[in-house]
Every structure is written in C-alpha cells, then in structure tokens.
C-alpha cells in the first residue's frame, strides 16, 4: 500500500509544537496595511494556536495521529 501524502497547503501553514499543539499565523497581514492601525498589525504579527475544535481536522491533513 502506498504512503499517505500530507496536504501541501497544511504543511506550509501549520507547525506542531513540542507538546503536540498546532501553531498558526494570523490572517489579514499581507496587503492593504495602510488603513490598519499599528496596534492591530502588531497583534497580527504574533502566531497563535489552532482552536481545539479544528485540531483533529488539521492533524488529519498533516497525517498525524
């Protein structure tokens, strides 16, 4: 049986932490930045964790158990 491939899009967007949680970046930080406040842009810079309800779906895309 062939190996299971990971979703390339998920592989590029998510990283797994040492404790097994999944890290992600914030959206809305790529363009049209002039109208966004400095505070808002700074908050979007920091990475955050994926919500618990989405974790199972992303782990399946990354082919993690």
N, C-alpha and C. Protein backbone atom coordinates (compact mmCIF):
# COMPACT_ATOMS: atom_id res chain seq x y z
N UNK A 1 0.84 -1.18 0.00
CA UNK A 1 0.00 0.00 0.00
C UNK A 1 0.89 1.25 0.00
N UNK A 2 0.55 2.29 -0.78
CA UNK A 2 1.42 3.47 -0.85
C UNK A 2 1.35 4.31 0.42
N UNK A 3 2.37 5.12 0.58
CA UNK A 3 2.41 6.02 1.74
C UNK A 3 1.31 7.07 1.61
N UNK A 4 0.82 7.54 2.75
CA UNK A 4 -0.19 8.61 2.76
C UNK A 4 0.52 9.94 2.61
N UNK A 5 0.08 10.75 1.68
CA UNK A 5 0.70 12.06 1.47
C UNK A 5 0.03 13.10 2.36
N UNK A 6 0.84 14.05 2.84
CA UNK A 6 0.27 15.16 3.61
C UNK A 6 -0.26 16.19 2.63
N UNK A 7 -1.21 17.02 3.09
CA UNK A 7 -1.71 18.11 2.27
C UNK A 7 -0.63 19.19 2.23
N UNK A 8 -0.20 19.56 1.03
CA UNK A 8 0.89 20.54 0.91
C UNK A 8 0.49 21.88 1.49
N UNK A 9 -0.78 22.26 1.35
CA UNK A 9 -1.22 23.55 1.87
C UNK A 9 -1.14 23.58 3.40
N UNK A 10 -1.51 22.47 4.04
CA UNK A 10 -1.46 22.39 5.50
C UNK A 10 -0.01 22.35 5.99
N UNK A 11 0.84 21.66 5.25
CA UNK A 11 2.25 21.55 5.60
C UNK A 11 2.91 22.93 5.63
N UNK A 12 2.49 23.82 4.72
CA UNK A 12 3.06 25.17 4.64
C UNK A 12 2.51 26.10 5.71
N UNK A 13 1.28 25.85 6.19
CA UNK A 13 0.60 26.80 7.07
C UNK A 13 0.72 26.50 8.55
N UNK A 14 0.96 25.25 8.91
CA UNK A 14 0.92 24.85 10.32
C UNK A 14 2.21 24.19 10.76
N UNK A 15 2.55 24.40 12.05
CA UNK A 15 3.69 23.73 12.67
C UNK A 15 3.21 23.08 13.96
N UNK A 16 3.80 21.96 14.32
CA UNK A 16 3.43 21.26 15.54
C UNK A 16 4.41 21.65 16.64
N UNK A 17 3.90 22.02 17.80
CA UNK A 17 4.74 22.40 18.93
C UNK A 17 5.25 21.14 19.62
N UNK A 18 6.13 21.32 20.59
CA UNK A 18 6.69 20.20 21.33
C UNK A 18 5.66 19.44 22.12
N UNK A 19 4.61 20.13 22.56
CA UNK A 19 3.56 19.47 23.35
C UNK A 19 2.46 18.89 22.47
N UNK A 20 2.58 19.02 21.14
CA UNK A 20 1.60 18.42 20.24
C UNK A 20 0.50 19.35 19.79
N UNK A 21 0.53 20.61 20.25
CA UNK A 21 -0.46 21.57 19.78
C UNK A 21 -0.03 22.09 18.41
N UNK A 22 -0.96 22.73 17.70
CA UNK A 22 -0.67 23.19 16.34
C UNK A 22 -0.66 24.71 16.32
N UNK A 23 0.44 25.26 15.77
CA UNK A 23 0.64 26.70 15.70
C UNK A 23 0.21 27.21 14.33
N UNK A 24 -0.32 28.42 14.29
CA UNK A 24 -0.73 29.03 13.03
C UNK A 24 -0.41 30.51 13.05
N UNK A 25 -0.44 31.13 11.88
CA UNK A 25 -0.26 32.58 11.78
C UNK A 25 -1.62 33.24 11.58
N UNK A 26 -1.67 34.52 11.89
CA UNK A 26 -2.91 35.27 11.72
C UNK A 26 -3.11 35.64 10.25
N UNK A 27 -4.36 35.78 9.85
CA UNK A 27 -4.70 36.24 8.51
C UNK A 27 -4.73 37.77 8.49
N UNK A 28 -4.94 38.36 7.35
CA UNK A 28 -5.11 39.80 7.14
C UNK A 28 -3.83 40.60 7.43
N UNK A 29 -2.67 40.04 7.13
CA UNK A 29 -1.43 40.77 7.37
C UNK A 29 -0.59 40.85 6.09
N UNK A 30 -1.20 40.57 4.94
CA UNK A 30 -0.39 40.51 3.71
C UNK A 30 -0.46 41.76 2.86
N UNK A 31 -1.59 42.43 2.79
CA UNK A 31 -1.70 43.64 1.96
C UNK A 31 -2.79 44.54 2.52
N UNK A 32 -2.93 45.73 1.93
CA UNK A 32 -3.84 46.78 2.39
C UNK A 32 -3.57 47.07 3.88
N UNK A 33 -2.31 47.37 4.18
CA UNK A 33 -1.91 47.59 5.56
C UNK A 33 -2.00 49.05 5.98
N UNK A 34 -2.21 49.96 5.03
CA UNK A 34 -2.20 51.38 5.35
C UNK A 34 -3.38 51.79 6.21
N UNK A 35 -4.53 51.16 6.02
CA UNK A 35 -5.72 51.55 6.79
C UNK A 35 -5.80 50.84 8.13
N UNK A 36 -4.93 49.87 8.38
CA UNK A 36 -4.96 49.15 9.65
C UNK A 36 -4.05 49.85 10.66
N UNK A 37 -4.49 49.88 11.90
CA UNK A 37 -3.72 50.57 12.94
C UNK A 37 -2.45 49.79 13.27
N UNK A 38 -1.49 50.50 13.84
CA UNK A 38 -0.23 49.88 14.22
C UNK A 38 -0.46 48.79 15.27
N UNK A 39 -1.37 49.06 16.19
CA UNK A 39 -1.71 48.09 17.24
C UNK A 39 -2.28 46.80 16.64
N UNK A 40 -3.15 46.97 15.65
CA UNK A 40 -3.78 45.82 15.01
C UNK A 40 -2.75 44.99 14.22
N UNK A 41 -1.86 45.68 13.49
CA UNK A 41 -0.84 44.99 12.72
C UNK A 41 0.14 44.25 13.62
N UNK A 42 0.48 44.85 14.74
CA UNK A 42 1.39 44.23 15.68
C UNK A 42 0.77 42.97 16.29
N UNK A 43 -0.53 43.04 16.60
CA UNK A 43 -1.23 41.88 17.16
C UNK A 43 -1.30 40.74 16.13
N UNK A 44 -1.42 41.07 14.86
CA UNK A 44 -1.49 40.05 13.81
C UNK A 44 -0.14 39.40 13.53
N UNK A 45 0.94 40.05 13.96
CA UNK A 45 2.28 39.53 13.71
C UNK A 45 2.54 38.25 14.49
N UNK A 46 2.06 38.19 15.73
CA UNK A 46 2.35 37.06 16.60
C UNK A 46 1.55 35.82 16.20
N UNK A 47 2.20 34.67 16.29
CA UNK A 47 1.49 33.43 15.97
C UNK A 47 0.64 33.00 17.16
N UNK A 48 -0.31 32.13 16.88
CA UNK A 48 -1.22 31.66 17.92
C UNK A 48 -1.50 30.17 17.70
N UNK A 49 -2.28 29.59 18.57
CA UNK A 49 -2.60 28.17 18.46
C UNK A 49 -3.93 27.97 17.74
N UNK A 50 -4.04 26.84 17.08
CA UNK A 50 -5.27 26.47 16.40
C UNK A 50 -6.32 26.11 17.45
N UNK A 51 -7.57 26.44 17.19
CA UNK A 51 -8.65 26.13 18.13
C UNK A 51 -8.81 24.62 18.26
N UNK A 52 -9.21 24.19 19.44
CA UNK A 52 -9.34 22.76 19.74
C UNK A 52 -10.29 22.05 18.78
N UNK A 53 -11.36 22.72 18.39
CA UNK A 53 -12.34 22.08 17.50
C UNK A 53 -11.79 21.86 16.09
N UNK A 54 -10.75 22.60 15.70
CA UNK A 54 -10.16 22.43 14.37
C UNK A 54 -8.93 21.52 14.38
N UNK A 55 -8.42 21.20 15.55
CA UNK A 55 -7.17 20.44 15.65
C UNK A 55 -7.25 19.07 14.98
N UNK A 56 -8.32 18.34 15.18
CA UNK A 56 -8.43 16.99 14.62
C UNK A 56 -8.38 17.03 13.10
N UNK A 57 -9.05 17.99 12.50
CA UNK A 57 -9.07 18.13 11.04
C UNK A 57 -7.68 18.42 10.50
N UNK A 58 -6.96 19.31 11.16
CA UNK A 58 -5.62 19.69 10.68
C UNK A 58 -4.63 18.55 10.90
N UNK A 59 -4.75 17.86 12.02
CA UNK A 59 -3.88 16.70 12.26
C UNK A 59 -4.11 15.63 11.20
N UNK A 60 -5.34 15.48 10.76
CA UNK A 60 -5.64 14.50 9.71
C UNK A 60 -5.00 14.94 8.39
N UNK A 61 -5.01 16.24 8.11
CA UNK A 61 -4.38 16.75 6.88
C UNK A 61 -2.86 16.61 6.92
N UNK A 62 -2.30 16.74 8.12
CA UNK A 62 -0.84 16.57 8.29
C UNK A 62 -0.45 15.11 8.48
N UNK A 63 -1.45 14.23 8.50
CA UNK A 63 -1.27 12.80 8.69
C UNK A 63 -0.61 12.48 10.03
N UNK A 64 -1.08 13.18 11.08
CA UNK A 64 -0.63 12.91 12.44
C UNK A 64 -1.73 12.11 13.14
N UNK A 65 -1.36 11.35 14.11
CA UNK A 65 -2.36 10.56 14.86
C UNK A 65 -2.91 11.38 15.98
